[in-house]
Amino acid sequence: MEIKTKMLFEDIKAYYFYHYGKKVLGYFIFLIFTVVATFFFRGYQKGDRFDVYMLLISIILGIIISSVFSSLYILYLLWYGKRLLKSNKLFRYEQTYIFDDEGIFNKSEIGEAKIKWKDFYKAAETKKAFIIYVSRYQAFIIPKREIKENQGIQYIRNLLKSSLNGNFK
C-alpha cells in the first residue's frame, strides 16, 4: 500500500497531544493539589480550626493557577510544534510511504530508505494518525486523512499488529 503525505501543523499538534496530553492533565491535578494543600494547611499553622471558606478559596485558587500553568504549557507545545514544522527540512517535502510485509519504504526529494519491521521500536494508532516509531524519540506520522479508504486503514492496522510482535497500541 502506498501513501503520499505532507506534514501539516495539525499532524504535529495531534502527535504532541497524544504524547503530552496525560502529562498536562497530571500537572493540572498536581498543581491543584499543591495549591489547595499549601493554602489550606497554612491556616492550621496559625492555629485556626477547620475553615470551609479557606478550603473553598484554596480550591478556586488551585484551579485558577493550574489552568494558567497548564495553558502556558499547551501554548509552549504548540509554539514548539510550529517551530519544528518550519525548521525540519523533511517536513517541507511530500513523503511517500510504501507498506509491505518486509517493512516500510520511505521516499522524498531528500532521499529514500527501507526500514524492516524488526528495526521499528513500536507503533500506536490515534484518531487522526498512525505513529510508527523508529526509536523512542523518532517516529513516522502517517495521517489517516491521506488513507483514502477504510480498507487501507484496516490493512495498516493489521500489518502493524502482525509485524511488530505486540508493540502496537
N, C-alpha and C. Protein backbone atom coordinates (compact mmCIF):
# COMPACT_ATOMS: atom_id res chain seq x y z
N MET A 1 0.83 -1.17 0.00
CA MET A 1 0.00 0.00 0.00
C MET A 1 0.88 1.24 0.00
N GLU A 2 0.54 2.21 -0.81
CA GLU A 2 1.31 3.44 -0.94
C GLU A 2 0.51 4.62 -0.41
N ILE A 3 1.18 5.46 0.41
CA ILE A 3 0.55 6.66 0.96
C ILE A 3 1.49 7.84 0.72
N LYS A 4 0.94 8.90 0.15
CA LYS A 4 1.70 10.13 -0.06
C LYS A 4 1.13 11.19 0.88
N THR A 5 2.03 11.88 1.59
CA THR A 5 1.58 12.88 2.54
C THR A 5 2.62 13.98 2.71
N LYS A 6 2.13 15.12 3.13
CA LYS A 6 3.00 16.23 3.51
C LYS A 6 2.57 16.64 4.92
N MET A 7 3.53 16.80 5.80
CA MET A 7 3.25 17.09 7.19
C MET A 7 2.60 18.46 7.33
N LEU A 8 1.51 18.50 8.09
CA LEU A 8 0.81 19.74 8.39
C LEU A 8 0.89 20.02 9.88
N PHE A 9 0.60 21.26 10.26
CA PHE A 9 0.64 21.62 11.68
C PHE A 9 -0.35 20.78 12.48
N GLU A 10 -1.49 20.46 11.91
CA GLU A 10 -2.48 19.65 12.65
C GLU A 10 -1.93 18.25 12.97
N ASP A 11 -1.04 17.73 12.12
CA ASP A 11 -0.42 16.43 12.38
C ASP A 11 0.55 16.51 13.57
N ILE A 12 1.35 17.58 13.59
CA ILE A 12 2.28 17.79 14.70
C ILE A 12 1.49 18.00 15.99
N LYS A 13 0.43 18.78 15.91
CA LYS A 13 -0.40 19.06 17.09
C LYS A 13 -1.01 17.77 17.64
N ALA A 14 -1.54 16.93 16.77
CA ALA A 14 -2.14 15.66 17.20
C ALA A 14 -1.08 14.76 17.84
N TYR A 15 0.12 14.76 17.26
CA TYR A 15 1.22 13.96 17.81
C TYR A 15 1.57 14.44 19.22
N TYR A 16 1.70 15.76 19.40
CA TYR A 16 2.04 16.30 20.72
C TYR A 16 0.94 16.04 21.74
N PHE A 17 -0.32 16.18 21.35
CA PHE A 17 -1.38 15.93 22.32
C PHE A 17 -1.48 14.44 22.66
N TYR A 18 -1.12 13.59 21.72
CA TYR A 18 -1.07 12.15 22.03
C TYR A 18 -0.01 11.89 23.10
N HIS A 19 1.16 12.52 22.93
CA HIS A 19 2.27 12.28 23.85
C HIS A 19 2.16 13.04 25.16
N TYR A 20 1.70 14.27 25.10
CA TYR A 20 1.76 15.13 26.28
C TYR A 20 0.41 15.41 26.93
N GLY A 21 -0.67 14.89 26.38
CA GLY A 21 -1.99 15.14 26.94
C GLY A 21 -2.14 14.66 28.37
N LYS A 22 -1.70 13.45 28.65
CA LYS A 22 -1.78 12.92 30.01
C LYS A 22 -0.84 13.67 30.96
N LYS A 23 0.28 14.10 30.44
CA LYS A 23 1.23 14.85 31.26
C LYS A 23 0.63 16.20 31.67
N VAL A 24 -0.04 16.87 30.74
CA VAL A 24 -0.69 18.16 31.06
C VAL A 24 -1.77 17.94 32.12
N LEU A 25 -2.56 16.91 31.97
CA LEU A 25 -3.60 16.60 32.96
C LEU A 25 -2.97 16.29 34.32
N GLY A 26 -1.90 15.55 34.31
CA GLY A 26 -1.19 15.25 35.56
C GLY A 26 -0.65 16.50 36.23
N TYR A 27 -0.05 17.41 35.45
CA TYR A 27 0.43 18.67 36.01
C TYR A 27 -0.73 19.48 36.60
N PHE A 28 -1.83 19.50 35.87
CA PHE A 28 -3.01 20.24 36.31
C PHE A 28 -3.48 19.74 37.68
N ILE A 29 -3.63 18.44 37.80
CA ILE A 29 -4.11 17.85 39.07
C ILE A 29 -3.08 18.06 40.18
N PHE A 30 -1.81 17.87 39.87
CA PHE A 30 -0.76 18.08 40.87
C PHE A 30 -0.75 19.52 41.38
N LEU A 31 -0.87 20.48 40.47
CA LEU A 31 -0.86 21.88 40.89
C LEU A 31 -2.07 22.23 41.74
N ILE A 32 -3.23 21.70 41.37
CA ILE A 32 -4.42 21.94 42.19
C ILE A 32 -4.19 21.41 43.61
N PHE A 33 -3.72 20.18 43.69
CA PHE A 33 -3.48 19.56 45.00
C PHE A 33 -2.45 20.37 45.80
N THR A 34 -1.38 20.80 45.16
CA THR A 34 -0.32 21.55 45.84
C THR A 34 -0.83 22.89 46.37
N VAL A 35 -1.56 23.62 45.54
CA VAL A 35 -2.07 24.91 45.96
C VAL A 35 -3.10 24.75 47.08
N VAL A 36 -4.01 23.80 46.94
CA VAL A 36 -5.01 23.57 47.99
C VAL A 36 -4.32 23.19 49.29
N ALA A 37 -3.37 22.28 49.23
CA ALA A 37 -2.67 21.86 50.44
C ALA A 37 -1.91 23.02 51.07
N THR A 38 -1.24 23.82 50.25
CA THR A 38 -0.46 24.95 50.77
C THR A 38 -1.35 25.96 51.47
N PHE A 39 -2.40 26.41 50.81
CA PHE A 39 -3.28 27.42 51.41
C PHE A 39 -4.08 26.88 52.58
N PHE A 40 -4.56 25.66 52.44
CA PHE A 40 -5.42 25.10 53.48
C PHE A 40 -4.63 24.82 54.76
N PHE A 41 -3.48 24.17 54.63
CA PHE A 41 -2.70 23.83 55.82
C PHE A 41 -1.99 25.04 56.41
N ARG A 42 -1.88 26.09 55.64
CA ARG A 42 -1.31 27.33 56.17
C ARG A 42 -2.21 27.89 57.28
N GLY A 43 -3.50 27.71 57.11
CA GLY A 43 -4.44 28.14 58.14
C GLY A 43 -4.24 27.38 59.44
N TYR A 44 -3.89 26.10 59.36
CA TYR A 44 -3.64 25.31 60.56
C TYR A 44 -2.37 25.76 61.29
N GLN A 45 -1.41 26.29 60.55
CA GLN A 45 -0.20 26.77 61.19
C GLN A 45 -0.48 27.96 62.09
N LYS A 46 -1.49 28.71 61.74
CA LYS A 46 -1.87 29.88 62.54
C LYS A 46 -2.72 29.48 63.74
N GLY A 47 -3.02 28.22 63.86
CA GLY A 47 -3.81 27.75 64.99
C GLY A 47 -5.31 27.80 64.74
N ASP A 48 -5.70 28.08 63.51
CA ASP A 48 -7.13 28.12 63.20
C ASP A 48 -7.69 26.71 63.16
N ARG A 49 -8.98 26.63 63.37
CA ARG A 49 -9.63 25.34 63.23
C ARG A 49 -10.11 25.20 61.78
N PHE A 50 -10.70 24.08 61.45
CA PHE A 50 -11.17 23.80 60.08
C PHE A 50 -12.07 24.93 59.59
N ASP A 51 -11.73 25.44 58.42
CA ASP A 51 -12.46 26.58 57.86
C ASP A 51 -12.89 26.22 56.44
N VAL A 52 -14.19 26.06 56.23
CA VAL A 52 -14.73 25.71 54.91
C VAL A 52 -14.45 26.83 53.91
N TYR A 53 -14.54 28.05 54.36
CA TYR A 53 -14.28 29.20 53.49
C TYR A 53 -12.85 29.16 52.95
N MET A 54 -11.89 28.87 53.83
CA MET A 54 -10.49 28.77 53.40
C MET A 54 -10.29 27.61 52.42
N LEU A 55 -10.99 26.51 52.65
CA LEU A 55 -10.90 25.37 51.74
C LEU A 55 -11.43 25.74 50.36
N LEU A 56 -12.57 26.44 50.30
CA LEU A 56 -13.13 26.85 49.01
C LEU A 56 -12.21 27.82 48.28
N ILE A 57 -11.64 28.76 49.00
CA ILE A 57 -10.70 29.71 48.37
C ILE A 57 -9.48 28.95 47.85
N SER A 58 -8.99 27.98 48.62
CA SER A 58 -7.84 27.18 48.20
C SER A 58 -8.14 26.40 46.91
N ILE A 59 -9.33 25.81 46.84
CA ILE A 59 -9.71 25.04 45.65
C ILE A 59 -9.82 25.96 44.44
N ILE A 60 -10.46 27.11 44.61
CA ILE A 60 -10.62 28.06 43.48
C ILE A 60 -9.26 28.57 43.02
N LEU A 61 -8.40 28.95 43.95
CA LEU A 61 -7.04 29.40 43.57
C LEU A 61 -6.27 28.27 42.90
N GLY A 62 -6.42 27.07 43.40
CA GLY A 62 -5.74 25.93 42.79
C GLY A 62 -6.16 25.71 41.35
N ILE A 63 -7.46 25.81 41.10
CA ILE A 63 -7.96 25.64 39.74
C ILE A 63 -7.46 26.76 38.83
N ILE A 64 -7.49 27.99 39.32
CA ILE A 64 -7.04 29.13 38.51
C ILE A 64 -5.55 29.02 38.19
N ILE A 65 -4.74 28.78 39.21
CA ILE A 65 -3.29 28.68 38.99
C ILE A 65 -2.95 27.48 38.11
N SER A 66 -3.61 26.36 38.32
CA SER A 66 -3.38 25.17 37.49
C SER A 66 -3.78 25.42 36.05
N SER A 67 -4.89 26.11 35.84
CA SER A 67 -5.35 26.41 34.49
C SER A 67 -4.36 27.31 33.76
N VAL A 68 -3.82 28.31 34.45
CA VAL A 68 -2.86 29.22 33.84
C VAL A 68 -1.60 28.46 33.43
N PHE A 69 -1.04 27.69 34.35
CA PHE A 69 0.21 26.97 34.03
C PHE A 69 0.00 25.88 32.99
N SER A 70 -1.12 25.18 33.04
CA SER A 70 -1.41 24.16 32.02
C SER A 70 -1.60 24.80 30.65
N SER A 71 -2.28 25.93 30.61
CA SER A 71 -2.47 26.65 29.34
C SER A 71 -1.13 27.12 28.77
N LEU A 72 -0.27 27.62 29.64
CA LEU A 72 1.06 28.05 29.18
C LEU A 72 1.85 26.88 28.61
N TYR A 73 1.75 25.72 29.24
CA TYR A 73 2.45 24.53 28.75
C TYR A 73 1.90 24.11 27.38
N ILE A 74 0.59 24.15 27.23
CA ILE A 74 -0.01 23.81 25.94
C ILE A 74 0.41 24.81 24.87
N LEU A 75 0.43 26.09 25.19
CA LEU A 75 0.88 27.11 24.23
C LEU A 75 2.35 26.89 23.84
N TYR A 76 3.16 26.49 24.82
CA TYR A 76 4.56 26.19 24.53
C TYR A 76 4.66 25.03 23.55
N LEU A 77 3.88 23.97 23.76
CA LEU A 77 3.90 22.81 22.86
C LEU A 77 3.48 23.21 21.45
N LEU A 78 2.46 24.05 21.34
CA LEU A 78 2.01 24.49 20.02
C LEU A 78 3.07 25.34 19.34
N TRP A 79 3.70 26.24 20.09
CA TRP A 79 4.76 27.08 19.54
C TRP A 79 5.92 26.21 19.07
N TYR A 80 6.30 25.23 19.90
CA TYR A 80 7.41 24.35 19.54
C TYR A 80 7.07 23.52 18.30
N GLY A 81 5.82 23.07 18.20
CA GLY A 81 5.39 22.31 17.02
C GLY A 81 5.49 23.14 15.75
N LYS A 82 5.07 24.40 15.81
CA LYS A 82 5.19 25.29 14.64
C LYS A 82 6.66 25.50 14.27
N ARG A 83 7.48 25.70 15.28
CA ARG A 83 8.91 25.90 15.05
C ARG A 83 9.54 24.65 14.42
N LEU A 84 9.15 23.49 14.90
CA LEU A 84 9.65 22.23 14.36
C LEU A 84 9.23 22.06 12.89
N LEU A 85 7.99 22.39 12.60
CA LEU A 85 7.48 22.27 11.23
C LEU A 85 8.23 23.19 10.28
N LYS A 86 8.58 24.38 10.73
CA LYS A 86 9.32 25.33 9.89
C LYS A 86 10.78 24.96 9.72
N SER A 87 11.38 24.37 10.76
CA SER A 87 12.82 24.13 10.72
C SER A 87 13.22 22.77 10.15
N ASN A 88 12.35 21.78 10.22
CA ASN A 88 12.71 20.44 9.77
C ASN A 88 12.50 20.33 8.26
N LYS A 89 13.58 20.14 7.53
CA LYS A 89 13.52 20.08 6.07
C LYS A 89 12.68 18.92 5.56
N LEU A 90 12.69 17.81 6.28
CA LEU A 90 11.89 16.67 5.83
C LEU A 90 10.40 16.99 5.78
N PHE A 91 9.94 17.84 6.67
CA PHE A 91 8.52 18.17 6.72
C PHE A 91 8.08 19.05 5.54
N ARG A 92 9.02 19.68 4.87
CA ARG A 92 8.69 20.57 3.76
C ARG A 92 8.36 19.82 2.47
N TYR A 93 8.78 18.56 2.41
CA TYR A 93 8.61 17.78 1.19
C TYR A 93 7.53 16.73 1.36
N GLU A 94 6.95 16.36 0.23
CA GLU A 94 5.99 15.26 0.25
C GLU A 94 6.74 13.97 0.56
N GLN A 95 6.16 13.17 1.42
CA GLN A 95 6.73 11.88 1.79
C GLN A 95 5.87 10.78 1.17
N THR A 96 6.52 9.76 0.66
CA THR A 96 5.81 8.58 0.16
C THR A 96 6.19 7.41 1.05
N TYR A 97 5.17 6.74 1.57
CA TYR A 97 5.37 5.56 2.40
C TYR A 97 4.76 4.37 1.67
N ILE A 98 5.56 3.32 1.50
CA ILE A 98 5.06 2.09 0.89
C ILE A 98 5.17 0.99 1.94
N PHE A 99 4.01 0.46 2.32
CA PHE A 99 3.92 -0.60 3.33
C PHE A 99 3.88 -1.95 2.65
N ASP A 100 4.68 -2.89 3.13
CA ASP A 100 4.59 -4.26 2.66
C ASP A 100 4.98 -5.21 3.79
N ASP A 101 5.07 -6.49 3.50
CA ASP A 101 5.35 -7.49 4.54
C ASP A 101 6.76 -7.39 5.10
N GLU A 102 7.67 -6.75 4.39
CA GLU A 102 9.05 -6.64 4.85
C GLU A 102 9.28 -5.42 5.74
N GLY A 103 8.53 -4.33 5.49
CA GLY A 103 8.72 -3.11 6.26
C GLY A 103 8.09 -1.92 5.57
N ILE A 104 8.70 -0.76 5.77
CA ILE A 104 8.20 0.48 5.16
C ILE A 104 9.31 1.08 4.32
N PHE A 105 8.96 1.42 3.10
CA PHE A 105 9.87 2.15 2.21
C PHE A 105 9.43 3.60 2.26
N ASN A 106 10.35 4.50 2.64
CA ASN A 106 10.06 5.93 2.75
C ASN A 106 10.88 6.67 1.70
N LYS A 107 10.19 7.53 0.94
CA LYS A 107 10.85 8.24 -0.14
C LYS A 107 10.41 9.70 -0.13
N SER A 108 11.37 10.61 -0.35
CA SER A 108 11.08 12.03 -0.52
C SER A 108 12.11 12.62 -1.47
N GLU A 109 12.04 13.94 -1.67
CA GLU A 109 13.02 14.59 -2.55
C GLU A 109 14.43 14.53 -1.96
N ILE A 110 14.53 14.37 -0.66
CA ILE A 110 15.84 14.34 0.01
C ILE A 110 16.51 12.98 -0.13
N GLY A 111 15.72 11.91 -0.09
CA GLY A 111 16.30 10.58 -0.18
C GLY A 111 15.26 9.51 0.07
N GLU A 112 15.74 8.30 0.24
CA GLU A 112 14.84 7.18 0.45
C GLU A 112 15.47 6.17 1.39
N ALA A 113 14.60 5.39 2.04
CA ALA A 113 15.09 4.38 2.98
C ALA A 113 14.08 3.25 3.08
N LYS A 114 14.58 2.05 3.25
CA LYS A 114 13.74 0.89 3.51
C LYS A 114 14.04 0.46 4.94
N ILE A 115 13.00 0.45 5.77
CA ILE A 115 13.17 0.05 7.16
C ILE A 115 12.38 -1.22 7.39
N LYS A 116 13.08 -2.24 7.84
CA LYS A 116 12.43 -3.54 8.07
C LYS A 116 11.65 -3.50 9.39
N TRP A 117 10.64 -4.33 9.47
CA TRP A 117 9.78 -4.35 10.65
C TRP A 117 10.55 -4.61 11.93
N LYS A 118 11.57 -5.43 11.87
CA LYS A 118 12.34 -5.76 13.08
C LYS A 118 13.10 -4.55 13.62
N ASP A 119 13.29 -3.52 12.79
CA ASP A 119 14.03 -2.33 13.20
C ASP A 119 13.15 -1.24 13.81
N PHE A 120 11.84 -1.44 13.82
CA PHE A 120 10.95 -0.46 14.43
C PHE A 120 10.84 -0.69 15.92
N TYR A 121 10.70 0.37 16.65
CA TYR A 121 10.61 0.32 18.12
C TYR A 121 9.21 -0.08 18.57
N LYS A 122 8.20 0.64 18.09
CA LYS A 122 6.80 0.36 18.41
C LYS A 122 5.92 1.21 17.50
N ALA A 123 4.60 1.05 17.63
CA ALA A 123 3.66 1.86 16.85
C ALA A 123 2.41 2.09 17.69
N ALA A 124 1.71 3.15 17.35
CA ALA A 124 0.46 3.48 18.04
C ALA A 124 -0.52 4.04 17.02
N GLU A 125 -1.79 3.89 17.32
CA GLU A 125 -2.84 4.45 16.47
C GLU A 125 -3.63 5.46 17.29
N THR A 126 -3.85 6.64 16.72
CA THR A 126 -4.70 7.65 17.33
C THR A 126 -5.91 7.85 16.42
N LYS A 127 -6.78 8.75 16.79
CA LYS A 127 -7.95 9.04 15.96
C LYS A 127 -7.54 9.60 14.60
N LYS A 128 -6.41 10.31 14.57
CA LYS A 128 -6.02 11.03 13.36
C LYS A 128 -4.83 10.45 12.61
N ALA A 129 -4.08 9.52 13.25
CA ALA A 129 -2.85 9.07 12.60
C ALA A 129 -2.37 7.73 13.14
N PHE A 130 -1.46 7.15 12.36
CA PHE A 130 -0.63 6.04 12.84
C PHE A 130 0.73 6.66 13.15
N ILE A 131 1.27 6.33 14.33
CA ILE A 131 2.58 6.83 14.73
C ILE A 131 3.48 5.60 14.83
N ILE A 132 4.49 5.56 13.97
CA ILE A 132 5.36 4.39 13.88
C ILE A 132 6.78 4.82 14.27
N TYR A 133 7.23 4.30 15.38
CA TYR A 133 8.48 4.75 15.99
C TYR A 133 9.68 3.98 15.45
N VAL A 134 10.67 4.75 15.00
CA VAL A 134 11.94 4.19 14.58
C VAL A 134 12.83 4.06 15.82
N SER A 135 12.68 4.97 16.75
CA SER A 135 13.36 4.93 18.05
C SER A 135 12.40 5.51 19.08
N ARG A 136 12.87 5.63 20.29
CA ARG A 136 11.97 6.14 21.34
C ARG A 136 11.50 7.56 21.06
N TYR A 137 12.32 8.36 20.38
CA TYR A 137 12.01 9.77 20.16
C TYR A 137 11.82 10.16 18.70
N GLN A 138 11.87 9.21 17.79
CA GLN A 138 11.67 9.50 16.37
C GLN A 138 10.57 8.61 15.82
N ALA A 139 9.71 9.24 15.02
CA ALA A 139 8.59 8.46 14.51
C ALA A 139 8.14 8.97 13.14
N PHE A 140 7.54 8.06 12.39
CA PHE A 140 6.81 8.44 11.19
C PHE A 140 5.38 8.73 11.63
N ILE A 141 4.84 9.84 11.19
CA ILE A 141 3.45 10.16 11.46
C ILE A 141 2.71 9.99 10.14
N ILE A 142 1.81 9.02 10.11
CA ILE A 142 1.04 8.74 8.90
C ILE A 142 -0.40 9.21 9.14
N PRO A 143 -0.76 10.38 8.62
CA PRO A 143 -2.12 10.90 8.84
C PRO A 143 -3.17 10.02 8.17
N LYS A 144 -4.23 9.74 8.89
CA LYS A 144 -5.30 8.91 8.33
C LYS A 144 -6.05 9.63 7.21
N ARG A 145 -5.98 10.96 7.18
CA ARG A 145 -6.67 11.70 6.12
C ARG A 145 -6.12 11.37 4.74
N GLU A 146 -4.87 10.87 4.71
CA GLU A 146 -4.23 10.52 3.44
C GLU A 146 -4.55 9.09 2.99
N ILE A 147 -5.16 8.32 3.86
CA ILE A 147 -5.52 6.94 3.51
C ILE A 147 -6.94 6.99 2.98
N LYS A 148 -7.10 6.74 1.73
CA LYS A 148 -8.35 7.03 1.03
C LYS A 148 -9.51 6.12 1.40
N GLU A 149 -9.25 4.95 1.85
CA GLU A 149 -10.35 4.02 2.10
C GLU A 149 -10.20 3.35 3.46
N ASN A 150 -11.31 2.94 4.03
CA ASN A 150 -11.29 2.25 5.31
C ASN A 150 -10.50 0.96 5.25
N GLN A 151 -10.52 0.30 4.10
CA GLN A 151 -9.77 -0.94 3.95
C GLN A 151 -8.28 -0.69 4.11
N GLY A 152 -7.82 0.49 3.67
CA GLY A 152 -6.41 0.85 3.82
C GLY A 152 -6.03 1.02 5.28
N ILE A 153 -6.90 1.65 6.06
CA ILE A 153 -6.65 1.81 7.49
C ILE A 153 -6.60 0.45 8.16
N GLN A 154 -7.53 -0.41 7.81
CA GLN A 154 -7.55 -1.75 8.40
C GLN A 154 -6.32 -2.56 7.98
N TYR A 155 -5.89 -2.38 6.73
CA TYR A 155 -4.69 -3.08 6.25
C TYR A 155 -3.47 -2.66 7.07
N ILE A 156 -3.29 -1.36 7.27
CA ILE A 156 -2.13 -0.88 8.04
C ILE A 156 -2.23 -1.35 9.48
N ARG A 157 -3.40 -1.27 10.07
CA ARG A 157 -3.62 -1.72 11.45
C ARG A 157 -3.22 -3.20 11.59
N ASN A 158 -3.71 -4.03 10.68
CA ASN A 158 -3.39 -5.47 10.73
C ASN A 158 -1.90 -5.73 10.50
N LEU A 159 -1.31 -4.99 9.56
CA LEU A 159 0.11 -5.15 9.26
C LEU A 159 0.96 -4.77 10.48
N LEU A 160 0.61 -3.68 11.15
CA LEU A 160 1.36 -3.28 12.34
C LEU A 160 1.20 -4.29 13.47
N LYS A 161 -0.01 -4.79 13.65
CA LYS A 161 -0.24 -5.80 14.70
C LYS A 161 0.58 -7.05 14.44
N SER A 162 0.59 -7.52 13.22
CA SER A 162 1.28 -8.77 12.92
C SER A 162 2.80 -8.60 12.82
N SER A 163 3.26 -7.42 12.45
CA SER A 163 4.70 -7.22 12.19
C SER A 163 5.49 -6.75 13.39
N LEU A 164 4.83 -6.14 14.37
CA LEU A 164 5.56 -5.54 15.48
C LEU A 164 5.50 -6.37 16.77
N ASN A 165 5.05 -7.58 16.69
CA ASN A 165 5.10 -8.50 17.82
C ASN A 165 4.57 -7.91 19.14
N GLY A 166 3.38 -7.35 19.09
CA GLY A 166 2.76 -6.83 20.31
C GLY A 166 3.16 -5.42 20.67
N ASN A 167 3.97 -4.77 19.89
CA ASN A 167 4.38 -3.39 20.18
C ASN A 167 3.51 -2.37 19.43
N PHE A 168 2.24 -2.68 19.32
CA PHE A 168 1.30 -1.79 18.66
C PHE A 168 0.09 -1.58 19.56
N LYS A 169 -0.21 -0.31 19.82
CA LYS A 169 -1.38 0.03 20.65
C LYS A 169 -2.45 0.64 19.79
